[in-house]
C-alpha atoms as a PDB file:
ATOM      1  CA  MET A   1      14.319  -6.446  -7.185  1.00  0.00           C
ATOM      2  CA  PHE A   2      14.534  -2.797  -6.102  1.00  0.00           C
ATOM      3  CA  LYS A   3      17.330  -0.274  -6.309  1.00  0.00           C
ATOM      4  CA  LYS A   4      18.824   0.767  -3.008  1.00  0.00           C
ATOM      5  CA  THR A   5      21.342   3.511  -2.523  1.00  0.00           C
ATOM      6  CA  ALA A   6      23.552   3.771   0.520  1.00  0.00           C
ATOM      7  CA  SER A   7      23.820   7.553   0.617  1.00  0.00           C
ATOM      8  CA  LYS A   8      20.372   8.700  -0.462  1.00  0.00           C
ATOM      9  CA  ILE A   9      17.142   7.806   1.317  1.00  0.00           C
ATOM     10  CA  ILE A  10      14.413   6.974  -1.185  1.00  0.00           C
ATOM     11  CA  HIS A  11      10.761   6.711  -0.191  1.00  0.00           C
ATOM     12  CA  PRO A  12       9.272   3.301  -1.132  1.00  0.00           C
ATOM     13  CA  ASP A  13       6.471   4.961  -3.116  1.00  0.00           C
ATOM     14  CA  GLU A  14       9.086   6.655  -5.340  1.00  0.00           C
ATOM     15  CA  ILE A  15      10.662   3.274  -6.098  1.00  0.00           C
ATOM     16  CA  PHE A  16       7.289   1.844  -7.097  1.00  0.00           C
ATOM     17  CA  GLU A  17       6.327   4.892  -9.164  1.00  0.00           C
ATOM     18  CA  GLU A  18       9.540   4.494 -11.188  1.00  0.00           C
ATOM     19  CA  SER A  19       8.674   0.898 -12.076  1.00  0.00           C
ATOM     20  CA  GLN A  20       4.943   1.493 -12.577  1.00  0.00           C
ATOM     21  CA  SER A  21       3.492   0.198 -15.838  1.00  0.00           C
ATOM     22  CA  PHE A  22       0.098   1.023 -17.306  1.00  0.00           C
ATOM     23  CA  GLY A  23      -1.330  -2.290 -16.061  1.00  0.00           C
ATOM     24  CA  ILE A  24      -0.195  -1.601 -12.501  1.00  0.00           C
ATOM     25  CA  TRP A  25      -1.570   1.936 -12.633  1.00  0.00           C
ATOM     26  CA  LEU A  26      -4.886   0.635 -14.012  1.00  0.00           C
ATOM     27  CA  SER A  27      -5.196  -2.097 -11.368  1.00  0.00           C
ATOM     28  CA  ASP A  28      -4.611   0.507  -8.632  1.00  0.00           C
ATOM     29  CA  LYS A  29      -7.289   2.796 -10.094  1.00  0.00           C
ATOM     30  CA  VAL A  30      -9.811  -0.055 -10.514  1.00  0.00           C
ATOM     31  CA  SER A  31      -9.087  -1.203  -6.962  1.00  0.00           C
ATOM     32  CA  ASP A  32      -9.496   2.331  -5.607  1.00  0.00           C
ATOM     33  CA  PHE A  33     -12.829   2.775  -7.393  1.00  0.00           C
ATOM     34  CA  GLY A  34     -14.083  -0.808  -6.894  1.00  0.00           C
ATOM     35  CA  GLY A  35     -13.559  -0.614  -3.150  1.00  0.00           C
ATOM     36  CA  SER A  36     -15.349   2.677  -2.623  1.00  0.00           C
ATOM     37  CA  TRP A  37     -18.825   3.764  -1.607  1.00  0.00           C
ATOM     38  CA  ARG A  38     -19.031   5.702  -4.866  1.00  0.00           C
ATOM     39  CA  PHE A  39     -18.809   2.387  -6.766  1.00  0.00           C
ATOM     40  CA  ILE A  40     -21.341   0.652  -4.524  1.00  0.00           C
ATOM     41  CA  ILE A  41     -23.886   3.472  -4.747  1.00  0.00           C
ATOM     42  CA  SER A  42     -23.464   3.999  -8.501  1.00  0.00           C
ATOM     43  CA  PHE A  43     -23.725   0.263  -9.132  1.00  0.00           C
ATOM     44  CA  MET A  44     -26.868  -0.006  -7.006  1.00  0.00           C
ATOM     45  CA  VAL A  45     -28.404   2.890  -8.969  1.00  0.00           C
ATOM     46  CA  PHE A  46     -27.480   1.094 -12.211  1.00  0.00           C
ATOM     47  CA  ILE A  47     -29.066  -2.185 -11.050  1.00  0.00           C
ATOM     48  CA  ILE A  48     -32.250  -0.461  -9.842  1.00  0.00           C
ATOM     49  CA  PHE A  49     -32.465   1.450 -13.132  1.00  0.00           C
ATOM     50  CA  TRP A  50     -31.962  -1.823 -15.058  1.00  0.00           C
ATOM     51  CA  ILE A  51     -34.705  -3.585 -13.108  1.00  0.00           C
ATOM     52  CA  ILE A  52     -37.141  -0.668 -13.486  1.00  0.00           C
ATOM     53  CA  ILE A  53     -36.522  -0.424 -17.247  1.00  0.00           C
ATOM     54  CA  ASN A  54     -37.091  -4.162 -17.650  1.00  0.00           C
ATOM     55  CA  THR A  55     -40.219  -4.384 -15.497  1.00  0.00           C
ATOM     56  CA  ILE A  56     -42.256  -1.382 -16.691  1.00  0.00           C
ATOM     57  CA  VAL A  57     -45.123  -2.712 -18.752  1.00  0.00           C
ATOM     58  CA  TYR A  58     -45.101  -0.008 -21.453  1.00  0.00           C
ATOM     59  CA  LEU A  59     -41.463  -0.509 -22.499  1.00  0.00           C
ATOM     60  CA  LYS A  60     -39.898  -3.222 -24.621  1.00  0.00           C
ATOM     61  CA  HIS A  61     -38.030  -5.563 -22.265  1.00  0.00           C
ATOM     62  CA  PHE A  62     -34.526  -6.389 -23.512  1.00  0.00           C
ATOM     63  CA  ASP A  63     -33.814  -8.451 -20.359  1.00  0.00           C
ATOM     64  CA  PRO A  64     -37.082  -9.698 -18.820  1.00  0.00           C
ATOM     65  CA  TYR A  65     -37.307 -11.231 -15.362  1.00  0.00           C
ATOM     66  CA  PRO A  66     -35.180 -13.185 -14.060  1.00  0.00           C
ATOM     67  CA  PHE A  67     -32.703 -10.700 -15.625  1.00  0.00           C
ATOM     68  CA  ILE A  68     -30.284 -13.225 -17.121  1.00  0.00           C
ATOM     69  CA  LEU A  69     -28.312 -10.543 -18.995  1.00  0.00           C
ATOM     70  CA  LEU A  70     -27.927  -8.532 -15.771  1.00  0.00           C
ATOM     71  CA  ASN A  71     -26.681 -11.675 -14.006  1.00  0.00           C
ATOM     72  CA  LEU A  72     -24.167 -12.213 -16.804  1.00  0.00           C
ATOM     73  CA  ILE A  73     -22.937  -8.618 -16.511  1.00  0.00           C
ATOM     74  CA  LEU A  74     -22.629  -8.897 -12.713  1.00  0.00           C
ATOM     75  CA  SER A  75     -20.752 -12.202 -12.971  1.00  0.00           C
ATOM     76  CA  THR A  76     -18.383 -10.798 -15.589  1.00  0.00           C
ATOM     77  CA  ILE A  77     -17.638  -7.702 -13.524  1.00  0.00           C
ATOM     78  CA  ALA A  78     -17.011  -9.837 -10.431  1.00  0.00           C
ATOM     79  CA  ALA A  79     -14.791 -12.227 -12.391  1.00  0.00           C
ATOM     80  CA  LEU A  80     -12.678  -9.360 -13.735  1.00  0.00           C
ATOM     81  CA  GLN A  81     -12.693  -7.138 -10.670  1.00  0.00           C
ATOM     82  CA  ALA A  82     -11.492  -9.777  -8.186  1.00  0.00           C
ATOM     83  CA  PRO A  83      -8.131 -10.553  -9.878  1.00  0.00           C
ATOM     84  CA  VAL A  84      -7.485  -6.857 -10.553  1.00  0.00           C
ATOM     85  CA  ILE A  85      -8.041  -6.045  -6.879  1.00  0.00           C
ATOM     86  CA  MET A  86      -5.778  -8.952  -5.932  1.00  0.00           C
ATOM     87  CA  MET A  87      -3.044  -7.553  -8.214  1.00  0.00           C
ATOM     88  CA  SER A  88      -3.343  -4.213  -6.468  1.00  0.00           C
ATOM     89  CA  GLN A  89      -3.205  -5.887  -3.055  1.00  0.00           C
ATOM     90  CA  ASN A  90      -0.086  -7.828  -4.077  1.00  0.00           C
ATOM     91  CA  ARG A  91       1.523  -4.564  -5.129  1.00  0.00           C
ATOM     92  CA  GLN A  92       0.609  -2.987  -1.779  1.00  0.00           C
ATOM     93  CA  GLU A  93       2.085  -6.015  -0.026  1.00  0.00           C
ATOM     94  CA  GLN A  94       5.342  -5.530  -1.964  1.00  0.00           C
ATOM     95  CA  LYS A  95       5.370  -1.860  -0.924  1.00  0.00           C
ATOM     96  CA  ASP A  96       4.813  -2.818   2.705  1.00  0.00           C
ATOM     97  CA  ARG A  97       7.591  -5.418   2.535  1.00  0.00           C
ATOM     98  CA  LEU A  98       9.983  -2.842   1.062  1.00  0.00           C
ATOM     99  CA  ARG A  99       9.031  -0.326   3.771  1.00  0.00           C
ATOM    100  CA  ALA A 100       9.687  -2.959   6.439  1.00  0.00           C
ATOM    101  CA  GLU A 101      13.100  -3.768   4.928  1.00  0.00           C
ATOM    102  CA  MET A 102      13.996  -0.080   4.791  1.00  0.00           C
ATOM    103  CA  ASP A 103      12.809   0.434   8.375  1.00  0.00           C
ATOM    104  CA  TYR A 104      14.938  -2.523   9.452  1.00  0.00           C
ATOM    105  CA  GLU A 105      18.025  -1.096   7.731  1.00  0.00           C
ATOM    106  CA  ILE A 106      17.435   2.299   9.360  1.00  0.00           C
ATOM    107  CA  ASN A 107      17.005   0.643  12.771  1.00  0.00           C
ATOM    108  CA  ILE A 108      20.280  -1.274  12.327  1.00  0.00           C
ATOM    109  CA  LYS A 109      22.110   1.955  11.394  1.00  0.00           C
ATOM    110  CA  ALA A 110      20.566   3.760  14.368  1.00  0.00           C
ATOM    111  CA  GLU A 111      21.542   0.931  16.694  1.00  0.00           C
ATOM    112  CA  LYS A 112      25.158   1.075  15.463  1.00  0.00           C
ATOM    113  CA  GLN A 113      25.254   4.842  15.956  1.00  0.00           C
ATOM    114  CA  ILE A 114      23.759   4.583  19.436  1.00  0.00           C
ATOM    115  CA  THR A 115      26.309   1.907  20.349  1.00  0.00           C
ATOM    116  CA  GLU A 116      29.133   4.151  19.098  1.00  0.00           C
ATOM    117  CA  ILE A 117      27.744   7.101  21.090  1.00  0.00           C
ATOM    118  CA  ASN A 118      27.479   4.926  24.214  1.00  0.00           C
ATOM    119  CA  LEU A 119      31.078   3.776  23.807  1.00  0.00           C
ATOM    120  CA  LYS A 120      32.219   7.384  23.443  1.00  0.00           C
ATOM    121  CA  LEU A 121      30.187   8.403  26.495  1.00  0.00           C
ATOM    122  CA  ASP A 122      31.646   5.524  28.502  1.00  0.00           C
ATOM    123  CA  ALA A 123      35.140   6.622  27.459  1.00  0.00           C
ATOM    124  CA  LEU A 124      34.371  10.227  28.445  1.00  0.00           C
ATOM    125  CA  ILE A 125      32.943   9.138  31.814  1.00  0.00           C
ATOM    126  CA  GLU A 126      36.020   7.020  32.446  1.00  0.00           C
ATOM    127  CA  GLU A 127      38.286   9.939  31.470  1.00  0.00           C
ATOM    128  CA  ILE A 128      36.393  12.282  33.813  1.00  0.00           C
ATOM    129  CA  GLN A 129      36.654   9.767  36.662  1.00  0.00           C
ATOM    130  CA  ASN A 130      40.393   9.402  36.024  1.00  0.00           C
ATOM    131  CA  LEU A 131      40.814  13.189  36.139  1.00  0.00           C
ATOM    132  CA  LYS A 132      38.818  13.381  39.381  1.00  0.00           C
ATOM    133  CA  GLU A 133      40.971  10.651  40.928  1.00  0.00           C
ATOM    134  CA  LYS A 134      44.147  12.487  39.871  1.00  0.00           C
ATOM    135  CA  LYS A 135      42.896  15.707  41.476  1.00  0.00           C
ATOM    136  CA  CYS A 136      41.955  13.881  44.663  1.00  0.00           C
ATOM    137  CA  HIS A 137      45.467  12.366  44.969  1.00  0.00           C
ATOM    138  CA  GLU A 138      47.175  15.717  44.488  1.00  0.00           C
END
């Protein structure tokens, strides 16, 4: 699924940025905006504005109470926003999985290197002990 190179360490985000399509980029941006306080506050201002416009007596009401058009807009936004956010979450899950795999590979390499260092240290300790024993016998 993803390219891995043995000699070069690649950050998981770089791998995902290489394979990023417009749809993926858009779902990330919608998810970033849709899950923010900026979205919540701006949407609340929009809804309050909508209700005020449609309840003031002196204006022509294009969506009178019970605001059926507003309900339709809210339902449509929710129906579209939920799958887009899920797509973005799935992408984040793939990134996390790739990071975990890369961390595991790094840990395995580190463990092998530590084992090799321990073996070399054990050999050096044994060599030093042998030299000490030789000096003691002389």
